[in-house]
Amino acid sequence: MLLTIAAVLLVLWLLGLLAFHVTTFVIHLLLIAAVIAVVWHFVAGGRTHA
């Protein structure tokens, strides 16, 4: 679940970086959120909730 959210946030970050170069602050917040989601996934032990 968190890995999916991280992947979506990374894709949004890349699209935003290419399309909206002016709004770099928001784009970098998306990148930070994606990194936090990935780190949380590994810290939580990769548990999956079915």
N, C-alpha and C. Protein backbone atom coordinates (compact mmCIF):
# COMPACT_ATOMS: atom_id res chain seq x y z
N MET A 1 0.82 -1.19 0.00
CA MET A 1 0.00 0.00 0.00
C MET A 1 0.87 1.25 0.00
N LEU A 2 1.78 1.33 0.96
CA LEU A 2 2.64 2.52 1.01
C LEU A 2 3.57 2.60 -0.19
N LEU A 3 3.99 1.45 -0.71
CA LEU A 3 4.84 1.45 -1.88
C LEU A 3 4.08 1.98 -3.10
N THR A 4 2.81 1.66 -3.18
CA THR A 4 1.98 2.17 -4.27
C THR A 4 1.82 3.67 -4.16
N ILE A 5 1.58 4.15 -2.97
CA ILE A 5 1.45 5.60 -2.75
C ILE A 5 2.76 6.29 -3.10
N ALA A 6 3.88 5.71 -2.71
CA ALA A 6 5.17 6.29 -3.02
C ALA A 6 5.40 6.35 -4.53
N ALA A 7 5.02 5.28 -5.23
CA ALA A 7 5.19 5.26 -6.68
C ALA A 7 4.34 6.33 -7.35
N VAL A 8 3.10 6.47 -6.89
CA VAL A 8 2.21 7.49 -7.45
C VAL A 8 2.77 8.89 -7.19
N LEU A 9 3.25 9.11 -5.97
CA LEU A 9 3.82 10.42 -5.65
C LEU A 9 5.07 10.72 -6.47
N LEU A 10 5.88 9.72 -6.72
CA LEU A 10 7.06 9.92 -7.55
C LEU A 10 6.68 10.27 -8.99
N VAL A 11 5.68 9.59 -9.52
CA VAL A 11 5.22 9.88 -10.88
C VAL A 11 4.65 11.29 -10.94
N LEU A 12 3.85 11.66 -9.95
CA LEU A 12 3.32 13.03 -9.91
C LEU A 12 4.43 14.06 -9.81
N TRP A 13 5.46 13.73 -9.05
CA TRP A 13 6.60 14.64 -8.91
C TRP A 13 7.29 14.82 -10.26
N LEU A 14 7.53 13.73 -10.95
CA LEU A 14 8.20 13.82 -12.25
C LEU A 14 7.34 14.60 -13.26
N LEU A 15 6.05 14.33 -13.28
CA LEU A 15 5.17 15.06 -14.19
C LEU A 15 5.12 16.54 -13.83
N GLY A 16 5.04 16.82 -12.55
CA GLY A 16 5.01 18.21 -12.12
C GLY A 16 6.31 18.94 -12.41
N LEU A 17 7.42 18.24 -12.27
CA LEU A 17 8.71 18.85 -12.54
C LEU A 17 8.83 19.22 -14.01
N LEU A 18 8.32 18.37 -14.87
CA LEU A 18 8.41 18.64 -16.30
C LEU A 18 7.36 19.63 -16.78
N ALA A 19 6.15 19.56 -16.23
CA ALA A 19 5.05 20.38 -16.73
C ALA A 19 4.96 21.74 -16.05
N PHE A 20 5.19 21.79 -14.75
CA PHE A 20 5.00 23.02 -14.00
C PHE A 20 6.29 23.40 -13.30
N HIS A 21 7.24 23.86 -14.06
CA HIS A 21 8.55 24.18 -13.50
C HIS A 21 8.48 25.33 -12.50
N VAL A 22 7.41 26.11 -12.55
CA VAL A 22 7.29 27.29 -11.69
C VAL A 22 6.98 26.88 -10.25
N THR A 23 6.20 25.84 -10.06
CA THR A 23 5.75 25.44 -8.73
C THR A 23 6.68 24.41 -8.10
N THR A 24 7.93 24.74 -8.01
CA THR A 24 8.92 23.77 -7.54
C THR A 24 8.75 23.42 -6.07
N PHE A 25 8.24 24.32 -5.26
CA PHE A 25 8.08 24.05 -3.84
C PHE A 25 7.12 22.89 -3.61
N VAL A 26 5.97 22.91 -4.27
CA VAL A 26 4.97 21.86 -4.12
C VAL A 26 5.50 20.54 -4.68
N ILE A 27 6.23 20.61 -5.77
CA ILE A 27 6.79 19.41 -6.39
C ILE A 27 7.78 18.74 -5.44
N HIS A 28 8.61 19.53 -4.79
CA HIS A 28 9.56 18.97 -3.86
C HIS A 28 8.88 18.41 -2.61
N LEU A 29 7.76 18.98 -2.22
CA LEU A 29 6.99 18.40 -1.12
C LEU A 29 6.47 17.02 -1.50
N LEU A 30 6.06 16.84 -2.76
CA LEU A 30 5.62 15.53 -3.22
C LEU A 30 6.77 14.52 -3.16
N LEU A 31 7.95 14.96 -3.54
CA LEU A 31 9.12 14.08 -3.49
C LEU A 31 9.43 13.67 -2.05
N ILE A 32 9.37 14.62 -1.15
CA ILE A 32 9.63 14.32 0.26
C ILE A 32 8.58 13.35 0.80
N ALA A 33 7.32 13.54 0.42
CA ALA A 33 6.26 12.63 0.87
C ALA A 33 6.49 11.22 0.33
N ALA A 34 6.96 11.11 -0.91
CA ALA A 34 7.23 9.80 -1.49
C ALA A 34 8.38 9.11 -0.77
N VAL A 35 9.41 9.85 -0.45
CA VAL A 35 10.56 9.28 0.26
C VAL A 35 10.13 8.82 1.66
N ILE A 36 9.33 9.62 2.33
CA ILE A 36 8.85 9.24 3.66
C ILE A 36 8.00 7.98 3.58
N ALA A 37 7.17 7.85 2.54
CA ALA A 37 6.33 6.66 2.39
C ALA A 37 7.18 5.42 2.17
N VAL A 38 8.24 5.53 1.38
CA VAL A 38 9.13 4.38 1.15
C VAL A 38 9.86 4.00 2.44
N VAL A 39 10.39 5.00 3.13
CA VAL A 39 11.10 4.72 4.38
C VAL A 39 10.15 4.09 5.39
N TRP A 40 8.95 4.60 5.50
CA TRP A 40 7.98 4.04 6.44
C TRP A 40 7.65 2.59 6.08
N HIS A 41 7.58 2.31 4.78
CA HIS A 41 7.30 0.94 4.34
C HIS A 41 8.38 -0.01 4.85
N PHE A 42 9.63 0.38 4.75
CA PHE A 42 10.72 -0.49 5.18
C PHE A 42 10.84 -0.52 6.71
N VAL A 43 10.56 0.58 7.37
CA VAL A 43 10.62 0.60 8.83
C VAL A 43 9.51 -0.26 9.42
N ALA A 44 8.36 -0.24 8.80
CA ALA A 44 7.23 -1.04 9.28
C ALA A 44 7.44 -2.52 9.01
N GLY A 45 8.47 -2.88 8.29
CA GLY A 45 8.78 -4.28 8.05
C GLY A 45 8.12 -4.86 6.83
N GLY A 46 7.54 -4.03 6.00
CA GLY A 46 6.92 -4.54 4.79
C GLY A 46 5.68 -5.36 5.04
N ARG A 47 5.02 -5.13 6.17
CA ARG A 47 3.79 -5.86 6.47
C ARG A 47 2.72 -5.46 5.47
N THR A 48 1.97 -6.44 5.01
CA THR A 48 0.86 -6.16 4.11
C THR A 48 -0.45 -6.38 4.85
N HIS A 49 -1.39 -5.52 4.60
CA HIS A 49 -2.70 -5.62 5.23
C HIS A 49 -3.70 -6.02 4.17
N ALA A 50 -4.23 -7.23 4.25
CA ALA A 50 -5.15 -7.73 3.24
C ALA A 50 -6.57 -7.33 3.53
